[in-house]
Amino acid sequence: MTSREDEALARAAVTALTDQLALTSKPGLPDRSHPTHHTLRWSAKSLTPGLAAMAAAARRTGEPTPGLRAELGAIGRCTEHSVTLAGGGHRGALWTLGLLVAAAAINPTEPTATAKRIAAFPDKGAPRRPSRGSSVSAKYGAAGARGEARAGFPHVRRALDALTAGTPMPQSRLNALLTIMSTLQDTELLYTAGPSGLRHVQAGAREVLEAGGTESAAGAKALTALTTDLHTRGWTPRGSAGLLAGALFLEELSP
């Protein structure tokens, strides 16, 4: 049974995800003007029961354990099925938010460090067939979603620093996204664009930040060019979007 605290964590996580979806304009990613926006928002809300169950499992267990990792994996797979029925999407965000919600239920003052401890255990119930992300990670030596979690979500922490740097919204959120994009080995980009395409996107994100960020005239111009470029190429930094949702969730938890 979930508590009010568990349900509040789940709602905060879903709000972070819907805020990420609404952010405009994200290079290569759908925003509120995209035809799929309403479907993505609807399916994001279907994460709520699963995230609340993850928080409840973590609160009941009280510490990172192999058993908790297995339970979170089982809940996550059931939640993926619910999301598919609701319209799909959000697999990467579910991984990030699920671990962070569980970690926050155990230790709200050090969620990324606690998530790292949870992710260190293998999910013994996971399907043996490799996912596209794990296959791409193995092919190119990228950390991937699992590596990011096992490292304590470094890109989420860097994005959180950008969110709290004093820049007004929405520029702070766009800068946070670009901070992630500038260094993340995004497996979605590696799959669709290869290593050279990934480096191209990383360089474009750095160009915006080095021009003064999205709040500067030069940075805004560079962002527009990057957005047009990714739209033309059909490249989507989906992994960065899920990590931004994680950073927005942690920002909401911050006192």
C-alpha atoms as a PDB file:
ATOM      1  CA  MET A   1       0.000   0.000   0.000  1.00  0.00           C
ATOM      2  CA  THR A   2       1.320   3.422  -0.908  1.00  0.00           C
ATOM      3  CA  SER A   3       1.376   6.341   1.506  1.00  0.00           C
ATOM      4  CA  ARG A   4       0.704  10.001   0.876  1.00  0.00           C
ATOM      5  CA  GLU A   5       4.465  10.540   0.798  1.00  0.00           C
ATOM      6  CA  ASP A   6       4.900   7.883  -1.890  1.00  0.00           C
ATOM      7  CA  GLU A   7       2.091   9.332  -3.985  1.00  0.00           C
ATOM      8  CA  ALA A   8       3.542  12.833  -3.607  1.00  0.00           C
ATOM      9  CA  LEU A   9       6.911  11.627  -4.912  1.00  0.00           C
ATOM     10  CA  ALA A  10       5.208   9.965  -7.876  1.00  0.00           C
ATOM     11  CA  ARG A  11       3.216  13.096  -8.710  1.00  0.00           C
ATOM     12  CA  ALA A  12       6.361  15.236  -8.474  1.00  0.00           C
ATOM     13  CA  ALA A  13       8.151  12.895 -10.871  1.00  0.00           C
ATOM     14  CA  VAL A  14       5.293  12.952 -13.386  1.00  0.00           C
ATOM     15  CA  THR A  15       5.123  16.752 -13.133  1.00  0.00           C
ATOM     16  CA  ALA A  16       8.848  16.889 -13.891  1.00  0.00           C
ATOM     17  CA  LEU A  17       8.289  14.716 -16.955  1.00  0.00           C
ATOM     18  CA  THR A  18       5.351  16.773 -18.248  1.00  0.00           C
ATOM     19  CA  ASP A  19       7.344  19.984 -17.648  1.00  0.00           C
ATOM     20  CA  GLN A  20      10.149  18.507 -19.743  1.00  0.00           C
ATOM     21  CA  LEU A  21       7.658  17.631 -22.485  1.00  0.00           C
ATOM     22  CA  ALA A  22       6.248  21.171 -22.537  1.00  0.00           C
ATOM     23  CA  LEU A  23       9.638  22.904 -22.691  1.00  0.00           C
ATOM     24  CA  THR A  24      10.065  24.874 -25.940  1.00  0.00           C
ATOM     25  CA  SER A  25      12.037  24.657 -28.087  1.00  0.00           C
ATOM     26  CA  LYS A  26      14.130  21.562 -27.460  1.00  0.00           C
ATOM     27  CA  PRO A  27      16.514  20.640 -30.287  1.00  0.00           C
ATOM     28  CA  GLY A  28      15.435  17.349 -31.808  1.00  0.00           C
ATOM     29  CA  LEU A  29      12.757  16.703 -29.185  1.00  0.00           C
ATOM     30  CA  PRO A  30       8.961  17.147 -29.190  1.00  0.00           C
ATOM     31  CA  ASP A  31       7.531  20.127 -27.311  1.00  0.00           C
ATOM     32  CA  ARG A  32       4.017  21.431 -26.707  1.00  0.00           C
ATOM     33  CA  SER A  33       3.604  22.300 -30.403  1.00  0.00           C
ATOM     34  CA  HIS A  34       4.373  18.743 -31.550  1.00  0.00           C
ATOM     35  CA  PRO A  35       1.456  16.581 -32.803  1.00  0.00           C
ATOM     36  CA  THR A  36       2.299  13.882 -30.254  1.00  0.00           C
ATOM     37  CA  HIS A  37       2.368  16.222 -27.247  1.00  0.00           C
ATOM     38  CA  HIS A  38      -1.069  15.379 -25.859  1.00  0.00           C
ATOM     39  CA  THR A  39      -0.468  11.639 -26.259  1.00  0.00           C
ATOM     40  CA  LEU A  40       2.910  11.905 -24.524  1.00  0.00           C
ATOM     41  CA  ARG A  41       1.367  13.896 -21.659  1.00  0.00           C
ATOM     42  CA  TRP A  42      -1.389  11.329 -21.267  1.00  0.00           C
ATOM     43  CA  SER A  43       1.006   8.400 -21.240  1.00  0.00           C
ATOM     44  CA  ALA A  44       3.275  10.254 -18.783  1.00  0.00           C
ATOM     45  CA  LYS A  45       0.421  10.366 -16.288  1.00  0.00           C
ATOM     46  CA  SER A  46       0.092   6.581 -16.534  1.00  0.00           C
ATOM     47  CA  LEU A  47       3.477   6.345 -14.791  1.00  0.00           C
ATOM     48  CA  THR A  48       1.996   7.609 -11.518  1.00  0.00           C
ATOM     49  CA  PRO A  49       0.804   4.301  -9.971  1.00  0.00           C
ATOM     50  CA  GLY A  50       4.031   2.509 -10.870  1.00  0.00           C
ATOM     51  CA  LEU A  51       6.241   5.264  -9.486  1.00  0.00           C
ATOM     52  CA  ALA A  52       4.210   5.356  -6.281  1.00  0.00           C
ATOM     53  CA  ALA A  53       4.611   1.577  -5.965  1.00  0.00           C
ATOM     54  CA  MET A  54       8.384   1.949  -6.418  1.00  0.00           C
ATOM     55  CA  ALA A  55       8.503   4.575  -3.677  1.00  0.00           C
ATOM     56  CA  ALA A  56       6.435   2.337  -1.385  1.00  0.00           C
ATOM     57  CA  ALA A  57       8.709  -0.665  -2.026  1.00  0.00           C
ATOM     58  CA  ALA A  58      11.797   1.395  -1.249  1.00  0.00           C
ATOM     59  CA  ARG A  59      10.280   2.922   1.890  1.00  0.00           C
ATOM     60  CA  ARG A  60       9.250  -0.523   3.130  1.00  0.00           C
ATOM     61  CA  THR A  61      12.700  -2.012   2.470  1.00  0.00           C
ATOM     62  CA  GLY A  62      14.504   0.989   3.917  1.00  0.00           C
ATOM     63  CA  GLU A  63      17.824   0.503   2.151  1.00  0.00           C
ATOM     64  CA  PRO A  64      19.282  -0.552  -1.217  1.00  0.00           C
ATOM     65  CA  THR A  65      19.227  -4.352  -1.463  1.00  0.00           C
ATOM     66  CA  PRO A  66      19.218  -6.954  -4.244  1.00  0.00           C
ATOM     67  CA  GLY A  67      15.611  -7.725  -3.351  1.00  0.00           C
ATOM     68  CA  LEU A  68      14.585  -4.096  -3.739  1.00  0.00           C
ATOM     69  CA  ARG A  69      16.352  -3.907  -7.107  1.00  0.00           C
ATOM     70  CA  ALA A  70      14.445  -6.970  -8.309  1.00  0.00           C
ATOM     71  CA  GLU A  71      11.128  -5.560  -7.055  1.00  0.00           C
ATOM     72  CA  LEU A  72      11.729  -2.213  -8.761  1.00  0.00           C
ATOM     73  CA  GLY A  73      12.515  -4.026 -12.004  1.00  0.00           C
ATOM     74  CA  ALA A  74       9.291  -6.011 -11.828  1.00  0.00           C
ATOM     75  CA  ILE A  75       7.238  -2.889 -11.114  1.00  0.00           C
ATOM     76  CA  GLY A  76       9.006  -1.072 -13.923  1.00  0.00           C
ATOM     77  CA  ARG A  77       8.152  -3.750 -16.490  1.00  0.00           C
ATOM     78  CA  CYS A  78       4.485  -3.685 -15.463  1.00  0.00           C
ATOM     79  CA  THR A  79       4.522   0.108 -15.699  1.00  0.00           C
ATOM     80  CA  GLU A  80       6.069  -0.039 -19.176  1.00  0.00           C
ATOM     81  CA  HIS A  81       3.125  -2.174 -20.253  1.00  0.00           C
ATOM     82  CA  SER A  82       0.659   0.383 -18.857  1.00  0.00           C
ATOM     83  CA  VAL A  83       2.482   3.197 -20.629  1.00  0.00           C
ATOM     84  CA  THR A  84       2.357   1.286 -23.912  1.00  0.00           C
ATOM     85  CA  LEU A  85      -1.408   0.931 -23.571  1.00  0.00           C
ATOM     86  CA  ALA A  86      -1.668   4.674 -22.857  1.00  0.00           C
ATOM     87  CA  GLY A  87       0.236   5.685 -25.975  1.00  0.00           C
ATOM     88  CA  GLY A  88       3.857   4.711 -25.378  1.00  0.00           C
ATOM     89  CA  GLY A  89       7.120   6.508 -24.789  1.00  0.00           C
ATOM     90  CA  HIS A  90       9.046   7.429 -21.625  1.00  0.00           C
ATOM     91  CA  ARG A  91      11.047   4.222 -21.182  1.00  0.00           C
ATOM     92  CA  GLY A  92      14.262   6.116 -20.453  1.00  0.00           C
ATOM     93  CA  ALA A  93      12.476   8.577 -18.190  1.00  0.00           C
ATOM     94  CA  LEU A  94      10.852   5.694 -16.286  1.00  0.00           C
ATOM     95  CA  TRP A  95      14.287   4.196 -15.575  1.00  0.00           C
ATOM     96  CA  THR A  96      15.674   7.504 -14.320  1.00  0.00           C
ATOM     97  CA  LEU A  97      12.605   8.658 -12.402  1.00  0.00           C
ATOM     98  CA  GLY A  98      11.912   5.204 -10.966  1.00  0.00           C
ATOM     99  CA  LEU A  99      15.364   4.941  -9.424  1.00  0.00           C
ATOM    100  CA  LEU A 100      15.314   8.529  -8.164  1.00  0.00           C
ATOM    101  CA  VAL A 101      11.821   8.195  -6.680  1.00  0.00           C
ATOM    102  CA  ALA A 102      12.847   4.992  -4.888  1.00  0.00           C
ATOM    103  CA  ALA A 103      16.068   6.611  -3.694  1.00  0.00           C
ATOM    104  CA  ALA A 104      14.231   9.701  -2.447  1.00  0.00           C
ATOM    105  CA  ALA A 105      11.865   7.488  -0.459  1.00  0.00           C
ATOM    106  CA  ILE A 106      14.884   5.971   1.312  1.00  0.00           C
ATOM    107  CA  ASN A 107      17.124   9.035   1.631  1.00  0.00           C
ATOM    108  CA  PRO A 108      15.689  12.335   0.359  1.00  0.00           C
ATOM    109  CA  THR A 109      18.890  14.229   1.169  1.00  0.00           C
ATOM    110  CA  GLU A 110      21.143  12.066  -1.067  1.00  0.00           C
ATOM    111  CA  PRO A 111      18.931  10.627  -3.810  1.00  0.00           C
ATOM    112  CA  THR A 112      21.587  10.246  -6.524  1.00  0.00           C
ATOM    113  CA  ALA A 113      24.026   8.493  -4.192  1.00  0.00           C
ATOM    114  CA  THR A 114      21.257   6.175  -3.002  1.00  0.00           C
ATOM    115  CA  ALA A 115      20.132   5.508  -6.581  1.00  0.00           C
ATOM    116  CA  LYS A 116      23.726   4.560  -7.382  1.00  0.00           C
ATOM    117  CA  ARG A 117      23.655   1.935  -4.631  1.00  0.00           C
ATOM    118  CA  ILE A 118      20.344   0.521  -5.885  1.00  0.00           C
ATOM    119  CA  ALA A 119      21.533   0.379  -9.489  1.00  0.00           C
ATOM    120  CA  ALA A 120      24.705  -1.469  -8.475  1.00  0.00           C
ATOM    121  CA  PHE A 121      22.658  -4.640  -7.987  1.00  0.00           C
ATOM    122  CA  PRO A 122      21.658  -6.702 -11.033  1.00  0.00           C
ATOM    123  CA  ASP A 123      17.996  -7.095 -11.933  1.00  0.00           C
ATOM    124  CA  LYS A 124      17.721 -10.876 -11.895  1.00  0.00           C
ATOM    125  CA  GLY A 125      14.240 -10.773 -13.397  1.00  0.00           C
ATOM    126  CA  ALA A 126      15.233  -8.714 -16.429  1.00  0.00           C
ATOM    127  CA  PRO A 127      14.675 -10.304 -19.864  1.00  0.00           C
ATOM    128  CA  ARG A 128      17.756 -12.069 -21.204  1.00  0.00           C
ATOM    129  CA  ARG A 129      17.297 -10.549 -24.656  1.00  0.00           C
ATOM    130  CA  PRO A 130      19.390  -7.363 -24.858  1.00  0.00           C
ATOM    131  CA  SER A 131      17.573  -4.082 -25.410  1.00  0.00           C
ATOM    132  CA  ARG A 132      18.468  -1.692 -28.219  1.00  0.00           C
ATOM    133  CA  GLY A 133      20.120   0.611 -25.698  1.00  0.00           C
ATOM    134  CA  SER A 134      22.260  -2.129 -24.164  1.00  0.00           C
ATOM    135  CA  SER A 135      23.227  -3.404 -27.627  1.00  0.00           C
ATOM    136  CA  VAL A 136      24.323   0.077 -28.700  1.00  0.00           C
ATOM    137  CA  SER A 137      26.203   0.551 -25.413  1.00  0.00           C
ATOM    138  CA  ALA A 138      28.081  -2.699 -25.961  1.00  0.00           C
ATOM    139  CA  LYS A 139      28.860  -1.863 -29.594  1.00  0.00           C
ATOM    140  CA  TYR A 140      30.275   1.612 -28.934  1.00  0.00           C
ATOM    141  CA  GLY A 141      31.439   1.321 -25.331  1.00  0.00           C
ATOM    142  CA  ALA A 142      28.937   3.917 -24.116  1.00  0.00           C
ATOM    143  CA  ALA A 143      27.830   3.979 -20.491  1.00  0.00           C
ATOM    144  CA  GLY A 144      24.159   3.940 -21.418  1.00  0.00           C
ATOM    145  CA  ALA A 145      21.283   4.274 -18.981  1.00  0.00           C
ATOM    146  CA  ARG A 146      22.627   1.617 -16.621  1.00  0.00           C
ATOM    147  CA  GLY A 147      26.082   3.159 -16.561  1.00  0.00           C
ATOM    148  CA  GLU A 148      24.620   6.588 -15.870  1.00  0.00           C
ATOM    149  CA  ALA A 149      22.684   5.220 -12.882  1.00  0.00           C
ATOM    150  CA  ARG A 150      25.629   3.192 -11.567  1.00  0.00           C
ATOM    151  CA  ALA A 151      27.740   6.356 -11.669  1.00  0.00           C
ATOM    152  CA  GLY A 152      25.171   8.212  -9.553  1.00  0.00           C
ATOM    153  CA  PHE A 153      23.542  10.135 -12.411  1.00  0.00           C
ATOM    154  CA  PRO A 154      26.380  12.622 -13.102  1.00  0.00           C
ATOM    155  CA  HIS A 155      24.488  14.268 -15.965  1.00  0.00           C
ATOM    156  CA  VAL A 156      21.440  14.772 -13.764  1.00  0.00           C
ATOM    157  CA  ARG A 157      23.650  16.464 -11.174  1.00  0.00           C
ATOM    158  CA  ARG A 158      25.220  18.742 -13.791  1.00  0.00           C
ATOM    159  CA  ALA A 159      21.807  19.648 -15.128  1.00  0.00           C
ATOM    160  CA  LEU A 160      20.622  20.434 -11.597  1.00  0.00           C
ATOM    161  CA  ASP A 161      23.542  22.848 -11.239  1.00  0.00           C
ATOM    162  CA  ALA A 162      22.410  24.586 -14.437  1.00  0.00           C
ATOM    163  CA  LEU A 163      18.822  24.755 -13.164  1.00  0.00           C
ATOM    164  CA  THR A 164      19.918  26.469  -9.956  1.00  0.00           C
ATOM    165  CA  ALA A 165      22.439  28.873 -11.520  1.00  0.00           C
ATOM    166  CA  GLY A 166      20.058  31.842 -11.291  1.00  0.00           C
ATOM    167  CA  THR A 167      18.980  31.991 -14.936  1.00  0.00           C
ATOM    168  CA  PRO A 168      15.211  32.520 -15.322  1.00  0.00           C
ATOM    169  CA  MET A 169      12.939  29.911 -16.890  1.00  0.00           C
ATOM    170  CA  PRO A 170      12.626  28.591 -19.508  1.00  0.00           C
ATOM    171  CA  GLN A 171      16.231  29.440 -20.373  1.00  0.00           C
ATOM    172  CA  SER A 172      17.555  27.661 -17.276  1.00  0.00           C
ATOM    173  CA  ARG A 173      15.804  24.458 -18.321  1.00  0.00           C
ATOM    174  CA  LEU A 174      17.051  24.710 -21.887  1.00  0.00           C
ATOM    175  CA  ASN A 175      20.586  25.309 -20.595  1.00  0.00           C
ATOM    176  CA  ALA A 176      20.217  22.247 -18.370  1.00  0.00           C
ATOM    177  CA  LEU A 177      19.173  20.142 -21.362  1.00  0.00           C
ATOM    178  CA  LEU A 178      22.086  21.421 -23.429  1.00  0.00           C
ATOM    179  CA  THR A 179      24.471  20.724 -20.543  1.00  0.00           C
ATOM    180  CA  ILE A 180      23.393  17.089 -20.689  1.00  0.00           C
ATOM    181  CA  MET A 181      23.524  16.948 -24.483  1.00  0.00           C
ATOM    182  CA  SER A 182      27.025  18.432 -24.589  1.00  0.00           C
ATOM    183  CA  THR A 183      28.666  15.384 -22.992  1.00  0.00           C
ATOM    184  CA  LEU A 184      26.148  12.514 -22.781  1.00  0.00           C
ATOM    185  CA  GLN A 185      26.852   9.413 -24.880  1.00  0.00           C
ATOM    186  CA  ASP A 186      23.204   9.274 -25.872  1.00  0.00           C
ATOM    187  CA  THR A 187      22.499   5.741 -27.091  1.00  0.00           C
ATOM    188  CA  GLU A 188      19.516   6.908 -29.158  1.00  0.00           C
ATOM    189  CA  LEU A 189      21.801   9.236 -31.097  1.00  0.00           C
ATOM    190  CA  LEU A 190      24.457   6.550 -31.405  1.00  0.00           C
ATOM    191  CA  TYR A 191      21.837   4.225 -32.880  1.00  0.00           C
ATOM    192  CA  THR A 192      20.476   6.700 -35.425  1.00  0.00           C
ATOM    193  CA  ALA A 193      23.517   8.866 -36.179  1.00  0.00           C
ATOM    194  CA  GLY A 194      26.581   6.880 -35.139  1.00  0.00           C
ATOM    195  CA  PRO A 195      29.602   8.234 -33.236  1.00  0.00           C
ATOM    196  CA  SER A 196      30.213  11.088 -35.694  1.00  0.00           C
ATOM    197  CA  GLY A 197      26.600  12.210 -35.425  1.00  0.00           C
ATOM    198  CA  LEU A 198      26.768  12.092 -31.629  1.00  0.00           C
ATOM    199  CA  ARG A 199      29.902  14.257 -31.661  1.00  0.00           C
ATOM    200  CA  HIS A 200      28.160  16.677 -34.021  1.00  0.00           C
ATOM    201  CA  VAL A 201      25.232  17.084 -31.602  1.00  0.00           C
ATOM    202  CA  GLN A 202      27.513  17.410 -28.586  1.00  0.00           C
ATOM    203  CA  ALA A 203      29.481  20.141 -30.345  1.00  0.00           C
ATOM    204  CA  GLY A 204      26.287  21.974 -31.266  1.00  0.00           C
ATOM    205  CA  ALA A 205      25.095  21.938 -27.654  1.00  0.00           C
ATOM    206  CA  ARG A 206      28.466  23.210 -26.432  1.00  0.00           C
ATOM    207  CA  GLU A 207      28.341  26.000 -29.006  1.00  0.00           C
ATOM    208  CA  VAL A 208      25.094  27.308 -27.502  1.00  0.00           C
ATOM    209  CA  LEU A 209      26.483  27.207 -23.969  1.00  0.00           C
ATOM    210  CA  GLU A 210      29.806  28.776 -24.950  1.00  0.00           C
ATOM    211  CA  ALA A 211      27.940  31.578 -26.740  1.00  0.00           C
ATOM    212  CA  GLY A 212      26.443  32.611 -23.405  1.00  0.00           C
ATOM    213  CA  GLY A 213      23.602  30.127 -23.045  1.00  0.00           C
ATOM    214  CA  THR A 214      20.083  30.418 -24.351  1.00  0.00           C
ATOM    215  CA  GLU A 215      19.533  33.713 -22.514  1.00  0.00           C
ATOM    216  CA  SER A 216      22.072  35.509 -24.749  1.00  0.00           C
ATOM    217  CA  ALA A 217      21.371  36.672 -28.287  1.00  0.00           C
ATOM    218  CA  ALA A 218      24.266  34.639 -29.683  1.00  0.00           C
ATOM    219  CA  GLY A 219      23.234  31.574 -27.705  1.00  0.00           C
ATOM    220  CA  ALA A 220      19.604  31.846 -28.822  1.00  0.00           C
ATOM    221  CA  LYS A 221      20.759  32.090 -32.439  1.00  0.00           C
ATOM    222  CA  ALA A 222      22.965  29.007 -32.023  1.00  0.00           C
ATOM    223  CA  LEU A 223      20.054  27.138 -30.407  1.00  0.00           C
ATOM    224  CA  THR A 224      17.793  27.935 -33.357  1.00  0.00           C
ATOM    225  CA  ALA A 225      20.456  26.656 -35.758  1.00  0.00           C
ATOM    226  CA  LEU A 226      20.898  23.456 -33.723  1.00  0.00           C
ATOM    227  CA  THR A 227      17.137  22.883 -33.548  1.00  0.00           C
ATOM    228  CA  THR A 228      16.777  23.304 -37.317  1.00  0.00           C
ATOM    229  CA  ASP A 229      19.748  21.045 -37.944  1.00  0.00           C
ATOM    230  CA  LEU A 230      18.444  18.174 -35.798  1.00  0.00           C
ATOM    231  CA  HIS A 231      14.944  18.506 -37.210  1.00  0.00           C
ATOM    232  CA  THR A 232      16.317  18.286 -40.753  1.00  0.00           C
ATOM    233  CA  ARG A 233      18.446  15.257 -39.935  1.00  0.00           C
ATOM    234  CA  GLY A 234      15.722  13.541 -37.886  1.00  0.00           C
ATOM    235  CA  TRP A 235      18.051  13.040 -34.924  1.00  0.00           C
ATOM    236  CA  THR A 236      16.527  12.811 -31.442  1.00  0.00           C
ATOM    237  CA  PRO A 237      18.579  13.091 -28.207  1.00  0.00           C
ATOM    238  CA  ARG A 238      15.956  11.112 -26.305  1.00  0.00           C
ATOM    239  CA  GLY A 239      18.340  10.000 -23.563  1.00  0.00           C
ATOM    240  CA  SER A 240      19.044  13.613 -22.641  1.00  0.00           C
ATOM    241  CA  ALA A 241      15.326  14.324 -22.294  1.00  0.00           C
ATOM    242  CA  GLY A 242      14.837  11.590 -19.705  1.00  0.00           C
ATOM    243  CA  LEU A 243      17.784  12.836 -17.649  1.00  0.00           C
ATOM    244  CA  LEU A 244      16.426  16.393 -17.764  1.00  0.00           C
ATOM    245  CA  ALA A 245      13.191  15.063 -16.256  1.00  0.00           C
ATOM    246  CA  GLY A 246      15.288  13.546 -13.476  1.00  0.00           C
ATOM    247  CA  ALA A 247      16.970  16.886 -12.809  1.00  0.00           C
ATOM    248  CA  LEU A 248      13.624  18.685 -12.733  1.00  0.00           C
ATOM    249  CA  PHE A 249      12.387  16.115 -10.219  1.00  0.00           C
ATOM    250  CA  LEU A 250      15.380  16.714  -7.935  1.00  0.00           C
ATOM    251  CA  GLU A 251      14.925  20.469  -8.278  1.00  0.00           C
ATOM    252  CA  GLU A 252      11.349  20.031  -7.024  1.00  0.00           C
ATOM    253  CA  LEU A 253      12.634  18.086  -4.007  1.00  0.00           C
ATOM    254  CA  SER A 254      15.233  20.729  -3.130  1.00  0.00           C
ATOM    255  CA  PRO A 255      14.371  22.840  -0.054  1.00  0.00           C
END
